[in-house]
Protein backbone atom coordinates (compact mmCIF):
# COMPACT_ATOMS: atom_id res chain seq x y z
CA MET A 1 -38.95 -30.79 -2.89
CA THR A 2 -40.76 -32.85 -0.24
CA ILE A 3 -40.49 -32.12 3.43
CA THR A 4 -38.76 -35.45 4.03
CA LEU A 5 -36.14 -34.72 1.44
CA LEU A 6 -35.63 -31.22 2.83
CA ALA A 7 -35.22 -32.54 6.39
CA LEU A 8 -32.69 -35.10 5.14
CA LEU A 9 -30.61 -32.51 3.32
CA LEU A 10 -30.70 -30.25 6.38
CA PHE A 11 -29.54 -33.11 8.50
CA ILE A 12 -26.65 -33.90 6.19
CA GLY A 13 -25.59 -30.32 5.83
CA SER A 14 -25.76 -29.82 9.61
CA ILE A 15 -23.48 -32.86 10.16
CA ALA A 16 -20.88 -31.13 8.05
CA ALA A 17 -21.32 -27.90 10.02
CA GLY A 18 -21.05 -29.65 13.36
CA LEU A 19 -18.06 -31.65 12.23
CA LEU A 20 -16.10 -28.61 10.98
CA GLY A 21 -17.14 -26.58 14.03
CA ALA A 22 -16.01 -29.26 16.48
CA VAL A 23 -12.50 -29.85 14.95
CA THR A 24 -11.80 -26.10 15.07
CA GLY A 25 -13.42 -25.38 18.45
CA LEU A 26 -15.45 -22.43 17.09
CA GLY A 27 -18.84 -24.17 16.92
CA GLY A 28 -21.11 -25.04 14.00
CA GLY A 29 -22.81 -21.66 13.83
CA VAL A 30 -20.13 -20.15 11.61
CA ILE A 31 -21.03 -22.78 9.03
CA LEU A 32 -24.70 -23.29 9.82
CA VAL A 33 -25.99 -19.71 9.20
CA PRO A 34 -24.36 -19.34 5.74
CA LEU A 35 -25.52 -22.94 4.90
CA LEU A 36 -29.13 -22.11 5.72
CA THR A 37 -29.20 -18.68 4.09
CA ILE A 38 -27.13 -19.33 0.94
CA ILE A 39 -27.90 -22.99 0.14
CA PHE A 40 -31.45 -23.43 1.61
CA LYS A 41 -32.50 -19.77 1.08
CA ALA A 42 -33.85 -19.47 4.60
CA ASP A 43 -34.54 -16.03 6.13
CA ILE A 44 -31.42 -14.97 8.00
CA HIS A 45 -33.37 -14.36 11.26
CA TYR A 46 -34.71 -17.91 11.13
CA ALA A 47 -31.17 -19.17 10.39
CA ILE A 48 -29.79 -17.30 13.38
CA GLY A 49 -32.56 -18.63 15.65
CA THR A 50 -31.90 -22.21 14.51
CA SER A 51 -28.18 -21.71 15.00
CA LEU A 52 -28.65 -20.58 18.56
CA ILE A 53 -30.68 -23.67 19.39
CA SER A 54 -28.00 -25.90 17.98
CA VAL A 55 -25.30 -23.95 19.90
CA ILE A 56 -27.17 -24.62 23.18
CA ALA A 57 -27.42 -28.39 22.37
CA THR A 58 -23.81 -28.88 21.40
CA SER A 59 -22.37 -26.69 24.21
CA SER A 60 -24.40 -28.47 26.86
CA GLY A 61 -23.07 -31.89 25.82
CA ALA A 62 -19.44 -30.90 25.56
CA ALA A 63 -19.39 -28.62 28.56
CA ALA A 64 -20.29 -31.34 31.07
CA SER A 65 -17.42 -33.48 29.97
CA TYR A 66 -14.83 -30.63 30.20
CA VAL A 67 -16.15 -29.62 33.68
CA LYS A 68 -15.89 -33.26 34.88
CA GLU A 69 -12.34 -33.54 33.57
CA GLY A 70 -11.31 -30.34 35.44
CA PHE A 71 -10.43 -28.16 32.43
CA SER A 72 -13.19 -25.58 32.62
CA ASN A 73 -12.85 -22.75 35.21
CA ILE A 74 -16.38 -22.33 36.51
CA ARG A 75 -15.63 -19.10 38.49
CA ILE A 76 -14.26 -17.36 35.38
CA GLY A 77 -17.05 -18.70 33.26
CA MET A 78 -19.88 -17.56 35.59
CA PHE A 79 -18.35 -14.17 36.04
CA LEU A 80 -17.80 -13.54 32.30
CA GLU A 81 -21.28 -14.85 31.51
CA VAL A 82 -22.68 -11.75 33.05
CA ALA A 83 -21.05 -9.78 30.22
CA THR A 84 -21.87 -12.24 27.44
CA CYS A 85 -25.54 -12.60 28.44
CA CYS A 86 -26.06 -8.83 28.64
CA GLY A 87 -24.28 -8.45 25.27
CA ALA A 88 -26.28 -11.34 23.70
CA ILE A 89 -29.67 -9.84 24.72
CA THR A 90 -28.58 -6.47 23.31
CA GLY A 91 -27.37 -8.08 20.10
CA ALA A 92 -30.61 -10.09 19.66
CA PHE A 93 -32.69 -6.89 20.25
CA VAL A 94 -30.70 -4.98 17.66
CA ALA A 95 -31.04 -7.88 15.12
CA MET A 96 -34.80 -7.65 15.26
CA PHE A 97 -34.66 -4.13 13.74
CA THR A 98 -31.69 -4.67 11.39
CA GLN A 99 -32.10 -5.33 7.64
CA PRO A 100 -31.11 -8.88 6.62
CA TYR A 101 -28.48 -7.65 4.10
CA ILE A 102 -26.71 -5.63 6.86
CA ILE A 103 -26.58 -8.72 9.11
CA ALA A 104 -25.19 -10.73 6.20
CA ILE A 105 -22.39 -8.20 5.58
CA LEU A 106 -21.50 -8.10 9.26
CA PHE A 107 -21.60 -11.93 9.42
CA GLY A 108 -19.12 -12.10 6.51
CA ILE A 109 -16.80 -9.70 8.14
CA VAL A 110 -16.89 -11.66 11.47
CA LEU A 111 -16.17 -14.86 9.49
CA LEU A 112 -13.12 -13.40 7.90
CA PHE A 113 -11.95 -12.12 11.27
CA THR A 114 -12.47 -15.59 12.72
CA VAL A 115 -10.17 -17.03 10.06
CA VAL A 116 -7.41 -14.54 10.77
CA SER A 117 -7.58 -15.08 14.58
CA ASN A 118 -7.67 -18.90 14.12
CA LEU A 119 -4.49 -18.88 12.01
CA ILE A 120 -2.50 -16.54 14.40
CA ARG A 121 -3.72 -18.14 17.62
CA ARG A 122 -0.87 -18.62 20.08
CA GLN A 123 -0.58 -22.17 21.43
CA ASN A 124 2.46 -21.51 23.61
CA LYS A 125 2.92 -18.29 25.54
CA ALA A 126 4.41 -17.07 28.76
CA LEU A 127 1.87 -17.28 31.57
CA PRO A 128 1.75 -14.62 34.37
CA SER A 129 3.58 -15.44 37.55
CA ALA A 130 0.97 -13.68 39.75
CA SER A 131 -2.69 -12.78 39.52
CA SER A 132 -4.12 -9.25 39.39
CA LYS A 133 -5.87 -7.78 42.49
CA LEU A 134 -9.38 -8.24 41.12
CA ALA A 135 -8.66 -11.86 40.00
CA HIS A 136 -7.29 -12.59 43.45
CA VAL A 137 -10.38 -11.11 45.14
CA LEU A 138 -12.68 -13.21 42.83
CA ARG A 139 -10.52 -16.29 43.38
CA MET A 140 -10.07 -17.00 39.70
CA ASP A 141 -6.70 -18.73 39.97
CA SER A 142 -6.95 -22.47 39.48
CA SER A 143 -5.29 -25.51 37.86
CA TYR A 144 -5.91 -28.03 35.16
CA PRO A 145 -4.77 -31.65 34.53
CA ALA A 146 -1.75 -32.31 32.37
CA LEU A 147 0.62 -35.23 31.68
CA ALA A 148 3.09 -33.75 34.24
CA GLY A 149 0.38 -33.37 36.86
CA GLU A 150 -1.79 -30.40 37.94
CA LEU A 151 -0.65 -27.14 36.30
CA HIS A 152 -1.48 -23.97 38.26
CA TYR A 153 -2.14 -20.68 36.50
CA HIS A 154 -2.88 -17.07 37.35
CA VAL A 155 -5.35 -14.60 35.85
CA VAL A 156 -4.80 -10.89 34.91
CA ASN A 157 -6.65 -8.07 33.12
CA VAL A 158 -10.11 -9.11 34.34
CA VAL A 159 -11.74 -5.82 33.32
CA GLY A 160 -10.29 -6.02 29.83
CA GLY A 161 -11.55 -9.57 29.43
CA PHE A 162 -15.00 -8.55 30.68
CA CYS A 163 -15.29 -5.79 28.17
CA MET A 164 -14.23 -8.06 25.28
CA MET A 165 -16.83 -10.63 26.45
CA LEU A 166 -19.49 -7.99 26.26
CA ILE A 167 -18.62 -7.43 22.60
CA ALA A 168 -18.52 -11.24 22.06
CA GLY A 169 -22.08 -11.47 23.53
CA VAL A 170 -23.38 -8.73 21.19
CA VAL A 171 -21.91 -10.61 18.16
CA SER A 172 -23.37 -13.88 19.40
CA GLY A 173 -26.93 -12.48 19.78
CA LEU A 174 -26.76 -10.51 16.56
CA LEU A 175 -25.32 -13.26 14.35
CA GLY A 176 -26.26 -16.50 16.07
CA ILE A 177 -22.71 -17.85 16.52
CA GLY A 178 -20.71 -18.78 19.49
CA SER A 179 -18.21 -15.92 18.96
CA GLY A 180 -15.44 -18.32 19.84
CA ALA A 181 -12.77 -16.17 18.28
CA LEU A 182 -13.63 -13.19 20.46
CA LYS A 183 -13.91 -15.34 23.56
CA VAL A 184 -10.42 -16.66 22.90
CA ILE A 185 -9.10 -13.12 22.54
CA ALA A 186 -10.73 -12.19 25.88
CA MET A 187 -9.46 -15.18 27.86
CA ASP A 188 -6.33 -16.38 26.01
CA ASN A 189 -4.83 -13.06 24.88
CA ILE A 190 -6.08 -10.50 27.30
CA MET A 191 -6.53 -12.46 30.55
CA ASN A 192 -3.56 -14.79 29.75
CA ILE A 193 -5.47 -17.93 30.69
CA PRO A 194 -3.88 -21.22 29.33
CA PHE A 195 -5.15 -22.28 25.97
CA LYS A 196 -6.90 -25.50 27.14
CA VAL A 197 -8.67 -23.65 29.94
CA SER A 198 -9.83 -20.74 27.74
CA THR A 199 -11.25 -23.01 24.97
CA THR A 200 -13.02 -25.32 27.37
CA THR A 201 -14.41 -22.47 29.53
CA SER A 202 -15.52 -20.73 26.33
CA ASN A 203 -17.40 -23.86 25.35
CA PHE A 204 -19.01 -23.88 28.77
CA MET A 205 -20.17 -20.31 28.31
CA ILE A 206 -21.41 -20.55 24.75
CA GLY A 207 -24.62 -22.43 25.61
CA VAL A 208 -25.62 -19.92 28.30
CA THR A 209 -24.91 -17.00 25.99
CA ALA A 210 -26.97 -18.53 23.18
CA ALA A 211 -29.88 -19.24 25.56
CA ALA A 212 -29.96 -15.57 26.75
CA SER A 213 -30.58 -14.37 23.18
CA ALA A 214 -32.66 -17.34 21.91
CA GLY A 215 -35.65 -16.20 24.02
CA LEU A 216 -35.95 -13.06 21.99
CA TYR A 217 -35.86 -14.92 18.76
CA LEU A 218 -38.48 -17.35 20.11
CA LYS A 219 -40.70 -14.51 21.14
CA ARG A 220 -40.52 -13.03 17.62
CA GLY A 221 -41.32 -16.41 16.07
CA TYR A 222 -37.90 -16.92 14.48
CA ILE A 223 -37.36 -20.38 15.85
CA ASP A 224 -39.14 -22.95 13.70
CA PRO A 225 -39.30 -26.48 15.17
CA GLY A 226 -39.46 -28.06 11.73
CA LEU A 227 -36.21 -26.32 10.79
CA SER A 228 -34.45 -26.74 14.14
CA PHE A 229 -35.10 -30.47 14.73
CA PRO A 230 -33.06 -31.92 11.82
CA VAL A 231 -30.41 -29.22 12.21
CA VAL A 232 -29.89 -29.89 15.95
CA LEU A 233 -29.64 -33.69 15.35
CA GLY A 234 -27.15 -33.16 12.50
CA VAL A 235 -24.97 -30.72 14.44
CA LEU A 236 -24.85 -33.04 17.45
CA ALA A 237 -23.86 -36.00 15.27
CA GLY A 238 -21.21 -33.94 13.49
CA ALA A 239 -19.80 -32.52 16.69
CA PHE A 240 -19.50 -36.01 18.14
CA GLY A 241 -17.71 -37.22 15.02
CA GLY A 242 -15.50 -34.15 14.96
CA SER A 243 -14.28 -34.77 18.52
CA LYS A 244 -13.15 -38.21 17.49
CA ILE A 245 -11.37 -36.87 14.34
CA LEU A 246 -9.72 -34.12 16.30
CA ALA A 247 -7.85 -36.52 18.49
CA ARG A 248 -6.33 -38.28 15.45
CA SER A 249 -5.77 -35.44 12.96
CA LYS A 250 -3.09 -32.78 12.54
CA THR A 251 -4.20 -29.40 13.80
CA LYS A 252 -2.51 -27.49 10.98
CA LYS A 253 -4.35 -29.36 8.24
CA LEU A 254 -7.67 -28.91 10.07
CA ARG A 255 -7.09 -25.18 10.42
CA LEU A 256 -6.19 -24.88 6.74
CA ILE A 257 -9.43 -26.67 5.66
CA PHE A 258 -11.39 -24.52 8.08
CA SER A 259 -9.79 -21.30 6.86
CA VAL A 260 -10.51 -22.01 3.21
CA VAL A 261 -14.14 -23.03 3.81
CA VAL A 262 -14.94 -20.14 6.13
CA THR A 263 -13.14 -17.55 3.90
CA LEU A 264 -15.31 -18.59 0.94
CA LEU A 265 -18.45 -18.48 3.07
CA GLY A 266 -17.54 -15.10 4.44
CA LEU A 267 -16.95 -13.61 1.01
CA GLU A 268 -20.19 -15.15 -0.30
CA MET A 269 -22.18 -13.61 2.65
CA ILE A 270 -20.62 -10.19 2.02
CA TYR A 271 -21.36 -10.36 -1.68
CA ASN A 272 -25.00 -11.57 -1.13
CA GLY A 273 -25.42 -8.80 1.39
CA ILE A 274 -24.12 -6.06 -0.83
CA THR A 275 -26.24 -7.26 -3.77
CA HIS A 276 -29.33 -7.64 -1.42
CA GLN A 277 -29.70 -11.34 -2.29
CA ILE A 278 -30.23 -12.11 1.46
């Protein structure tokens, strides 16, 4: 296979990863790492490093739009990034000394967990009527635009959300994914932040979290420009197309497609890890 053909196939595959990641809000890393390791037979450490670079690129583009529109809560994001960045650096350090087959098995387990959390995610829930003391001190309460006007919300369980974000950071640095499912648990389920705010703030945080751990992969030589270049371009193109499809498609169908694909990838990663094929 020539380099040109390989780059083209990587670009096409990355478009699919970015497309599926965008329509589910969980990022392309959950598709990209299995794609690179299973289909293209790349070393899993190189796949993770490439995935982190693509996460930085896609998050940076989308985050600016969400901040401008007033959905992302910058105060919450910056505070929780302390936890995710510490966790990401820890996860990346652990990954350097972990056997590839163990990482593959853990990756498969996280993928299956992501599917479950995506299917049972609550869209409508009772929001707290008052903020906790810590949230009040940190001035985390805010509002976001809606058809009926600005909707105000309160934040609770800041410590619980911070601890979950630490775990999300470790998973992100260890596996090279955005850990969107864990971030949603932290903000949507634990801190009771509205769904639109939690997902957009999570997107704002993902790029910073990935950048924190990408430095360790770069230092170890696990970020290959020749591999990263077509992948980043493909994921960006796919994410842009996915955002357009999302506005016109039914969420239930998208989640069903996502669940089937990611379940198969998760089982394949676990199998390849157990049989030491990765």
